[in-house]
C-alpha cells in the first residue's frame, strides 16, 4: 500500500513510500565515487531519486521496472523536487496495486468513448465509416487503443493518452472542416483517429512505458499502415484510391523527413493533419512540463530538453489588477444577456463554425507553408 504519491511530496519531507523504477543510471562523481540516479514514478507523476551511499549494495537489489520501497528525504534542487534515497528494497508485484503506479488520463473512458461514437455517427462517407468501425467496434483493438499512451516521453504520456490525443486532433479536424468547405472532413477525421494506431503495437505499457521489439524495428507509422491494409482487405468494395490516401495520411503525418516521416504531405488533408497533430502534441507537452513543477516558484519552467528552451509560466490572468472598466454602450443600444448554459447549449456540434478565420489572423503575414527543402523531392 502506498503511503504518499509523487504530487504530494513536499520539501524536507522524510518519507517512506513505494515507487516504480522507470529508469536507473549509475555514474561517477568528480571525487571518483559512484552514485545512482533513479526515475521513480507512480500514477501522479515522476520524481528523480539520487543514491549517494552504498551504491553497489543497493544496485544489486533491484532493476529497472521493479517496484521498490523507498526511504528518503525530499528537497527542491534547481526548481525540481528530488529524493535523496537513504535506503530501499525491492517488492514483488503481488504486493502492490498496479493502478497506483501508471499515470492515467484525466478524462474518463466512458466520456471519451461517447465522443468517439458521436464522431462515427457524424460521418457521411460509408467506406470511411466502415473502416473506422472495423477498428473501433473490435473490442480487443479498442481495449489496446483506449489504454495505450500517445508517446513514451513527449506528450500524452499516460494510459488513455492515445485516445485522448486522437479525439483532440479529431475535434480540431471538425473545426477546420467547418471553416473550409474544400476540406474532406471525413477523410481528415479518419486520419485524426487512425494516424497513431500503430502505437498500440509500438509501445509497451503494462508496467512502464517503453518500446516493443516491433516498435524499435518498424515504428508506429509502418505498423499502422500494415493495420490499415489488413482491415481494408476485409471490406468488400473499398476504393483503392481512398485506401491509398488514408495510408498516405499515416505516412506523412510527421510532416518532414527529419521528423521521421517517410513521405511529406501531398494533399490538403494530409497537410492539415500534420499541423493539427503537432499542435495538440505541443500543447499537451508544454502544459505537462509546467504542471510537473508545482514547487517551482519561478516565472520560468526548468529547461525542456526536447523543445530546447525554458517556458514562461506566469499566469497573466491571475495577476492582481484593478477591475476592468466596462465601456459604456452606445446610445440607444440594448445590452444582450448571455443565455445560460442549458442542455441544448452544451450539445456537441461537429459542424459549428469557428469564431475567427485563419485568413484574418494571417493577413499581411508572409508565410512559407512548406519548409525549405534540403533534399530533392521524391517523384509525385
Protein backbone atom coordinates (compact mmCIF):
# COMPACT_ATOMS: atom_id res chain seq x y z
CA UNK A 1 0.00 0.00 0.00
CA UNK A 2 1.40 3.39 -0.99
CA UNK A 3 1.97 5.94 1.74
CA UNK A 4 2.39 9.05 -0.40
CA UNK A 5 2.17 9.94 -4.10
CA UNK A 6 4.69 11.99 -6.09
CA UNK A 7 2.39 15.02 -6.32
CA UNK A 8 2.02 15.03 -2.52
CA UNK A 9 5.75 15.22 -1.75
CA UNK A 10 6.83 18.43 -0.02
CA UNK A 11 10.28 19.86 0.54
CA UNK A 12 12.07 18.43 3.59
CA UNK A 13 9.59 15.52 3.86
CA UNK A 14 11.10 12.42 5.40
CA UNK A 15 9.13 9.80 3.52
CA UNK A 16 8.59 6.10 3.12
CA UNK A 17 6.68 5.05 0.01
CA UNK A 18 6.55 2.64 -2.92
CA UNK A 19 7.53 3.64 -6.46
CA UNK A 20 8.04 2.05 -9.86
CA UNK A 21 11.60 2.41 -11.16
CA UNK A 22 11.25 3.84 -14.68
CA UNK A 23 14.98 4.32 -15.17
CA UNK A 24 18.22 3.56 -13.34
CA UNK A 25 21.64 5.00 -14.16
CA UNK A 26 24.99 4.52 -12.41
CA UNK A 27 27.53 7.31 -12.89
CA UNK A 28 30.78 8.52 -11.35
CA UNK A 29 31.05 11.71 -9.32
CA UNK A 30 34.00 14.09 -9.62
CA UNK A 31 35.50 12.64 -6.44
CA UNK A 32 35.60 9.18 -8.02
CA UNK A 33 32.70 7.74 -6.04
CA UNK A 34 29.75 6.10 -7.84
CA UNK A 35 26.25 7.47 -7.49
CA UNK A 36 22.88 6.33 -8.79
CA UNK A 37 20.15 8.36 -10.49
CA UNK A 38 16.63 6.93 -10.45
CA UNK A 39 13.42 7.97 -12.14
CA UNK A 40 10.72 6.99 -9.69
CA UNK A 41 7.09 7.12 -10.77
CA UNK A 42 3.54 6.49 -9.74
CA UNK A 43 0.22 7.43 -11.30
CA UNK A 44 0.52 11.06 -10.17
CA UNK A 45 3.88 11.77 -11.78
CA UNK A 46 7.61 11.21 -11.64
CA UNK A 47 10.38 12.29 -9.28
CA UNK A 48 14.15 11.95 -9.52
CA UNK A 49 15.92 9.93 -6.85
CA UNK A 50 19.62 10.12 -6.01
CA UNK A 51 21.59 7.45 -4.16
CA UNK A 52 24.93 8.68 -2.83
CA UNK A 53 25.89 5.96 -0.33
CA UNK A 54 26.06 2.14 -0.56
CA UNK A 55 25.51 2.39 -4.31
CA UNK A 56 26.93 -1.03 -5.21
CA UNK A 57 24.99 -2.73 -2.42
CA UNK A 58 21.66 -1.17 -3.35
CA UNK A 59 22.26 -1.56 -7.09
CA UNK A 60 22.33 -5.34 -6.70
CA UNK A 61 18.88 -5.41 -5.08
CA UNK A 62 16.67 -4.21 -7.96
CA UNK A 63 16.43 -3.42 -11.67
CA UNK A 64 14.56 -1.05 -13.96
CA UNK A 65 10.78 -1.67 -13.93
CA UNK A 66 10.89 -3.12 -10.41
CA UNK A 67 8.76 -1.85 -7.54
CA UNK A 68 10.80 -0.53 -4.62
CA UNK A 69 10.05 0.65 -1.11
CA UNK A 70 11.98 3.90 -0.75
CA UNK A 71 13.14 5.64 2.41
CA UNK A 72 14.47 9.13 1.81
CA UNK A 73 14.31 12.88 2.23
CA UNK A 74 12.77 15.32 -0.24
CA UNK A 75 14.45 18.53 -1.36
CA UNK A 76 13.99 21.00 -4.19
CA UNK A 77 17.01 21.26 -6.47
CA UNK A 78 17.05 23.75 -9.37
CA UNK A 79 13.29 24.12 -9.15
CA UNK A 80 12.51 20.40 -9.25
CA UNK A 81 11.65 18.00 -6.46
CA UNK A 82 14.30 15.38 -5.75
CA UNK A 83 14.59 12.47 -3.31
CA UNK A 84 17.83 11.69 -1.55
CA UNK A 85 17.40 7.94 -1.15
CA UNK A 86 18.74 6.64 2.14
CA UNK A 87 17.55 3.05 1.76
CA UNK A 88 15.32 0.93 -0.45
CA UNK A 89 14.29 -2.65 -1.11
CA UNK A 90 12.51 -4.46 -3.89
CA UNK A 91 8.87 -5.53 -3.66
CA UNK A 92 7.11 -8.27 -5.60
CA UNK A 93 4.33 -7.25 -7.97
CA UNK A 94 1.81 -9.20 -5.86
CA UNK A 95 2.45 -6.76 -3.01
CA UNK A 96 1.33 -3.67 -4.93
CA UNK A 97 -1.71 -2.36 -6.78
CA UNK A 98 -0.67 -1.64 -10.38
CA UNK A 99 -3.30 1.10 -10.63
CA UNK A 100 -1.22 3.16 -8.18
CA UNK A 101 1.78 3.40 -10.48
CA UNK A 102 0.89 4.25 -14.05
CA UNK A 103 -0.47 7.75 -14.83
CA UNK A 104 -3.95 7.80 -16.35
CA UNK A 105 -5.83 10.33 -18.49
CA UNK A 106 -7.92 12.79 -16.52
CA UNK A 107 -10.78 12.08 -18.91
CA UNK A 108 -12.96 9.06 -18.17
CA UNK A 109 -13.09 6.21 -20.66
CA UNK A 110 -16.89 6.45 -20.78
CA UNK A 111 -16.72 10.13 -21.73
CA UNK A 112 -14.14 9.55 -24.44
CA UNK A 113 -15.98 6.55 -25.88
CA UNK A 114 -19.16 8.64 -26.13
CA UNK A 115 -17.24 11.34 -28.01
CA UNK A 116 -15.77 8.73 -30.35
CA UNK A 117 -19.22 7.28 -31.06
CA UNK A 118 -20.50 10.78 -31.82
CA UNK A 119 -17.73 11.24 -34.36
CA UNK A 120 -18.50 7.92 -36.03
CA UNK A 121 -22.21 8.78 -36.20
CA UNK A 122 -21.39 12.12 -37.84
CA UNK A 123 -19.59 10.58 -40.84
CA UNK A 124 -21.15 10.74 -44.32
CA UNK A 125 -18.76 8.56 -46.32
CA UNK A 126 -19.91 4.92 -45.92
CA UNK A 127 -16.47 3.49 -46.77
CA UNK A 128 -14.65 5.62 -44.19
CA UNK A 129 -17.28 4.83 -41.58
CA UNK A 130 -17.00 1.10 -42.35
CA UNK A 131 -13.21 1.20 -41.96
CA UNK A 132 -13.31 3.13 -38.68
CA UNK A 133 -15.98 0.86 -37.26
CA UNK A 134 -13.92 -2.17 -38.29
CA UNK A 135 -11.31 -0.87 -35.86
CA UNK A 136 -13.35 0.66 -33.06
CA UNK A 137 -16.10 -1.94 -32.89
CA UNK A 138 -13.38 -4.57 -32.38
CA UNK A 139 -13.34 -4.96 -28.59
CA UNK A 140 -9.79 -6.30 -28.46
CA UNK A 141 -8.38 -3.47 -30.57
CA UNK A 142 -10.30 -0.78 -28.70
CA UNK A 143 -9.07 -2.13 -25.38
CA UNK A 144 -5.47 -1.58 -26.53
CA UNK A 145 -6.26 1.73 -28.28
CA UNK A 146 -8.03 3.17 -25.23
CA UNK A 147 -5.30 2.08 -22.82
CA UNK A 148 -2.14 3.00 -24.76
CA UNK A 149 -0.20 6.22 -24.15
CA UNK A 150 0.33 8.51 -27.14
CA UNK A 151 4.11 8.54 -26.69
CA UNK A 152 6.92 7.34 -24.44
CA UNK A 153 8.06 10.74 -23.26
CA UNK A 154 6.94 13.65 -25.48
CA UNK A 155 3.19 14.13 -24.96
CA UNK A 156 0.13 12.37 -23.53
CA UNK A 157 2.42 10.01 -21.61
CA UNK A 158 -0.27 8.22 -19.64
CA UNK A 159 -2.77 5.41 -20.00
CA UNK A 160 -5.57 6.60 -22.27
CA UNK A 161 -3.27 9.20 -23.82
CA UNK A 162 -3.60 7.82 -27.35
CA UNK A 163 -7.40 8.00 -27.32
CA UNK A 164 -7.38 11.45 -25.68
CA UNK A 165 -4.88 12.79 -28.24
CA UNK A 166 -6.72 11.29 -31.22
CA UNK A 167 -10.02 12.81 -30.08
CA UNK A 168 -8.40 16.21 -29.61
CA UNK A 169 -6.94 16.07 -33.12
CA UNK A 170 -10.37 14.98 -34.40
CA UNK A 171 -12.00 17.99 -32.71
CA UNK A 172 -9.51 20.28 -34.47
CA UNK A 173 -10.31 18.45 -37.72
CA UNK A 174 -14.03 19.15 -37.23
CA UNK A 175 -13.34 22.84 -36.57
CA UNK A 176 -11.24 23.15 -39.70
CA UNK A 177 -13.70 21.14 -41.78
CA UNK A 178 -16.49 23.54 -40.79
CA UNK A 179 -14.39 26.56 -41.77
CA UNK A 180 -13.03 25.37 -45.12
CA UNK A 181 -15.60 23.73 -47.42
CA UNK A 182 -12.87 22.38 -49.72
CA UNK A 183 -11.65 20.06 -46.93
CA UNK A 184 -12.88 16.47 -46.98
CA UNK A 185 -13.99 16.34 -43.36
CA UNK A 186 -14.50 12.57 -43.20
CA UNK A 187 -11.08 11.87 -44.71
CA UNK A 188 -9.43 14.25 -42.23
CA UNK A 189 -11.24 12.63 -39.29
CA UNK A 190 -10.10 9.20 -40.48
CA UNK A 191 -6.51 10.46 -40.35
CA UNK A 192 -7.03 12.02 -36.92
CA UNK A 193 -8.35 8.78 -35.44
CA UNK A 194 -6.00 6.39 -37.24
CA UNK A 195 -2.69 8.26 -37.59
CA UNK A 196 -1.21 6.77 -34.40
CA UNK A 197 -2.92 3.35 -34.31
CA UNK A 198 0.48 1.71 -34.71
CA UNK A 199 1.35 2.85 -31.20
CA UNK A 200 -0.91 0.12 -29.85
CA UNK A 201 1.85 -2.25 -31.02
CA UNK A 202 4.87 0.08 -30.91
CA UNK A 203 4.66 0.84 -27.19
CA UNK A 204 4.68 -1.42 -24.14
CA UNK A 205 2.59 -0.05 -21.31
CA UNK A 206 1.81 -2.85 -18.89
CA UNK A 207 4.27 -1.73 -16.20
CA UNK A 208 6.19 1.22 -17.58
CA UNK A 209 6.25 2.98 -20.93
CA UNK A 210 8.81 1.61 -23.36
CA UNK A 211 9.18 0.38 -26.94
CA UNK A 212 8.37 -3.17 -28.02
CA UNK A 213 10.68 -5.08 -30.35
CA UNK A 214 8.30 -4.35 -33.25
CA UNK A 215 8.29 -0.71 -32.23
CA UNK A 216 12.07 -0.50 -32.35
CA UNK A 217 12.36 -2.43 -35.63
CA UNK A 218 9.40 -0.98 -37.55
CA UNK A 219 7.93 2.05 -35.77
CA UNK A 220 4.30 3.04 -35.38
CA UNK A 221 3.93 4.52 -38.88
CA UNK A 222 4.84 1.32 -40.71
CA UNK A 223 2.86 -0.78 -38.24
CA UNK A 224 -0.17 1.49 -38.68
CA UNK A 225 -0.09 1.25 -42.49
CA UNK A 226 0.02 -2.54 -42.20
CA UNK A 227 -3.00 -2.45 -39.89
CA UNK A 228 -4.93 -0.28 -42.37
CA UNK A 229 -4.16 -2.68 -45.22
CA UNK A 230 -5.27 -5.68 -43.15
CA UNK A 231 -8.64 -4.08 -42.36
CA UNK A 232 -9.22 -2.80 -45.90
CA UNK A 233 -8.81 -6.31 -47.28
CA UNK A 234 -11.71 -7.43 -45.11
CA UNK A 235 -14.07 -4.77 -46.53
CA UNK A 236 -15.70 -5.61 -49.84
CA UNK A 237 -15.55 -2.90 -52.48
CA UNK A 238 -13.35 -0.50 -50.52
CA UNK A 239 -11.97 2.04 -53.04
CA UNK A 240 -8.24 1.53 -53.63
CA UNK A 241 -7.63 5.25 -54.12
CA UNK A 242 -9.26 6.02 -50.77
CA UNK A 243 -7.20 3.31 -49.07
CA UNK A 244 -4.03 4.80 -50.57
CA UNK A 245 -4.95 8.30 -49.38
CA UNK A 246 -5.66 7.12 -45.83
CA UNK A 247 -2.33 5.28 -45.75
CA UNK A 248 -0.64 8.45 -47.02
CA UNK A 249 -2.16 10.33 -44.08
CA UNK A 250 -0.30 7.96 -41.77
CA UNK A 251 2.92 8.01 -43.79
CA UNK A 252 3.10 11.81 -43.92
CA UNK A 253 1.68 12.98 -40.58
CA UNK A 254 5.12 13.80 -39.15
CA UNK A 255 5.48 16.31 -41.96
CA UNK A 256 9.20 16.27 -42.77
CA UNK A 257 11.84 13.61 -43.37
CA UNK A 258 13.93 14.83 -40.44
CA UNK A 259 10.98 14.19 -38.13
CA UNK A 260 10.71 10.55 -39.21
CA UNK A 261 8.10 11.00 -41.92
CA UNK A 262 8.54 8.54 -44.83
CA UNK A 263 6.57 10.93 -47.05
CA UNK A 264 5.78 14.62 -46.93
CA UNK A 265 2.08 15.63 -47.12
CA UNK A 266 0.87 15.56 -50.72
CA UNK A 267 -2.77 16.67 -50.47
CA UNK A 268 -4.67 19.20 -48.42
CA UNK A 269 -6.00 16.91 -45.67
CA UNK A 270 -2.50 15.47 -45.17
CA UNK A 271 -1.05 18.98 -44.75
CA UNK A 272 -3.75 19.85 -42.21
CA UNK A 273 -3.30 16.60 -40.27
CA UNK A 274 0.42 17.26 -39.88
CA UNK A 275 -0.24 20.68 -38.33
CA UNK A 276 -3.11 19.75 -36.00
CA UNK A 277 -1.34 16.62 -34.77
CA UNK A 278 1.73 18.71 -33.99
CA UNK A 279 -0.39 21.44 -32.40
CA UNK A 280 -2.16 19.13 -29.95
CA UNK A 281 1.03 17.26 -29.04
CA UNK A 282 2.89 20.50 -28.30
CA UNK A 283 0.05 21.96 -26.23
CA UNK A 284 -0.02 18.83 -24.10
CA UNK A 285 3.77 18.54 -23.93
CA UNK A 286 4.34 22.12 -22.77
CA UNK A 287 1.40 22.04 -20.33
CA UNK A 288 2.56 18.75 -18.81
CA UNK A 289 6.12 20.04 -18.43
CA UNK A 290 4.91 23.06 -16.45
CA UNK A 291 2.44 21.04 -14.36
CA UNK A 292 5.24 18.72 -13.22
CA UNK A 293 6.86 21.59 -11.29
CA UNK A 294 4.38 22.71 -8.63
CA UNK A 295 7.25 23.56 -6.30
CA UNK A 296 8.99 25.83 -8.80
CA UNK A 297 8.05 29.39 -7.78
CA UNK A 298 9.91 30.96 -10.70
CA UNK A 299 8.01 32.53 -13.59
CA UNK A 300 10.08 30.21 -15.80
CA UNK A 301 9.96 26.46 -16.11
CA UNK A 302 13.01 24.26 -15.95
CA UNK A 303 14.81 23.56 -19.22
CA UNK A 304 12.90 21.29 -21.59
CA UNK A 305 15.45 19.13 -23.38
CA UNK A 306 13.27 18.09 -26.34
CA UNK A 307 11.96 21.60 -27.02
CA UNK A 308 15.39 23.11 -26.24
CA UNK A 309 14.04 26.03 -24.22
CA UNK A 310 12.57 27.33 -20.97
CA UNK A 311 8.89 28.30 -20.83
CA UNK A 312 7.43 31.42 -19.28
CA UNK A 313 4.67 30.20 -16.99
CA UNK A 314 3.35 33.23 -15.13
CA UNK A 315 -0.45 33.41 -15.38
CA UNK A 316 -1.25 36.87 -16.70
CA UNK A 317 -4.95 36.47 -15.90
CA UNK A 318 -4.09 35.51 -12.35
CA UNK A 319 -2.15 38.65 -11.52
CA UNK A 320 -3.68 41.18 -9.25
CA UNK A 321 -5.13 44.09 -11.19
CA UNK A 322 -7.79 46.69 -10.91
CA UNK A 323 -11.20 45.58 -12.07
CA UNK A 324 -11.54 46.35 -15.79
CA UNK A 325 -13.78 49.24 -16.68
CA UNK A 326 -16.75 48.16 -18.78
CA UNK A 327 -17.14 50.59 -21.68
CA UNK A 328 -20.48 52.34 -21.89
CA UNK A 329 -22.84 51.02 -24.55
CA UNK A 330 -23.56 53.35 -27.47
CA UNK A 331 -26.69 55.45 -27.11
CA UNK A 332 -29.80 53.52 -27.98
CA UNK A 333 -28.06 50.16 -27.87
CA UNK A 334 -29.53 47.33 -25.83
CA UNK A 335 -27.35 45.08 -23.71
CA UNK A 336 -27.73 41.44 -24.76
CA UNK A 337 -27.91 38.96 -21.91
CA UNK A 338 -25.90 35.80 -22.42
CA UNK A 339 -28.03 32.69 -22.48
CA UNK A 340 -27.41 30.31 -19.58
CA UNK A 341 -25.62 27.10 -20.49
CA UNK A 342 -28.52 24.71 -20.76
CA UNK A 343 -28.51 21.19 -22.07
CA UNK A 344 -29.02 22.27 -25.66
CA UNK A 345 -26.12 24.72 -25.50
CA UNK A 346 -23.68 22.08 -24.28
CA UNK A 347 -24.55 19.60 -27.01
CA UNK A 348 -21.61 18.76 -29.27
CA UNK A 349 -21.96 20.31 -32.72
CA UNK A 350 -19.40 18.84 -35.12
CA UNK A 351 -20.20 21.40 -37.82
CA UNK A 352 -20.07 24.51 -35.63
CA UNK A 353 -18.04 27.28 -37.36
CA UNK A 354 -15.02 28.88 -35.75
CA UNK A 355 -15.25 32.37 -34.30
CA UNK A 356 -12.32 33.86 -36.26
CA UNK A 357 -10.94 32.99 -39.63
CA UNK A 358 -7.41 31.76 -40.05
CA UNK A 359 -7.12 34.11 -43.02
CA UNK A 360 -7.81 37.13 -40.80
CA UNK A 361 -5.15 36.02 -38.33
CA UNK A 362 -2.56 35.56 -41.09
CA UNK A 363 -3.46 38.69 -43.07
CA UNK A 364 -0.42 40.51 -44.46
CA UNK A 365 1.94 37.91 -43.00
CA UNK A 366 4.50 36.30 -45.28
CA UNK A 367 4.39 32.59 -44.55
CA UNK A 368 6.36 29.79 -46.14
CA UNK A 369 3.98 26.89 -45.64
CA UNK A 370 6.47 24.29 -46.71
CA UNK A 371 9.87 24.50 -45.01
CA UNK A 372 12.92 24.95 -47.18
CA UNK A 373 13.73 21.69 -48.92
CA UNK A 374 17.23 20.40 -48.37
CA UNK A 375 16.79 17.17 -50.31
CA UNK A 376 15.26 16.61 -53.73
CA UNK A 377 11.52 15.95 -53.64
CA UNK A 378 10.53 12.42 -54.49
CA UNK A 379 8.55 11.82 -57.65
CA UNK A 380 4.78 12.57 -57.39
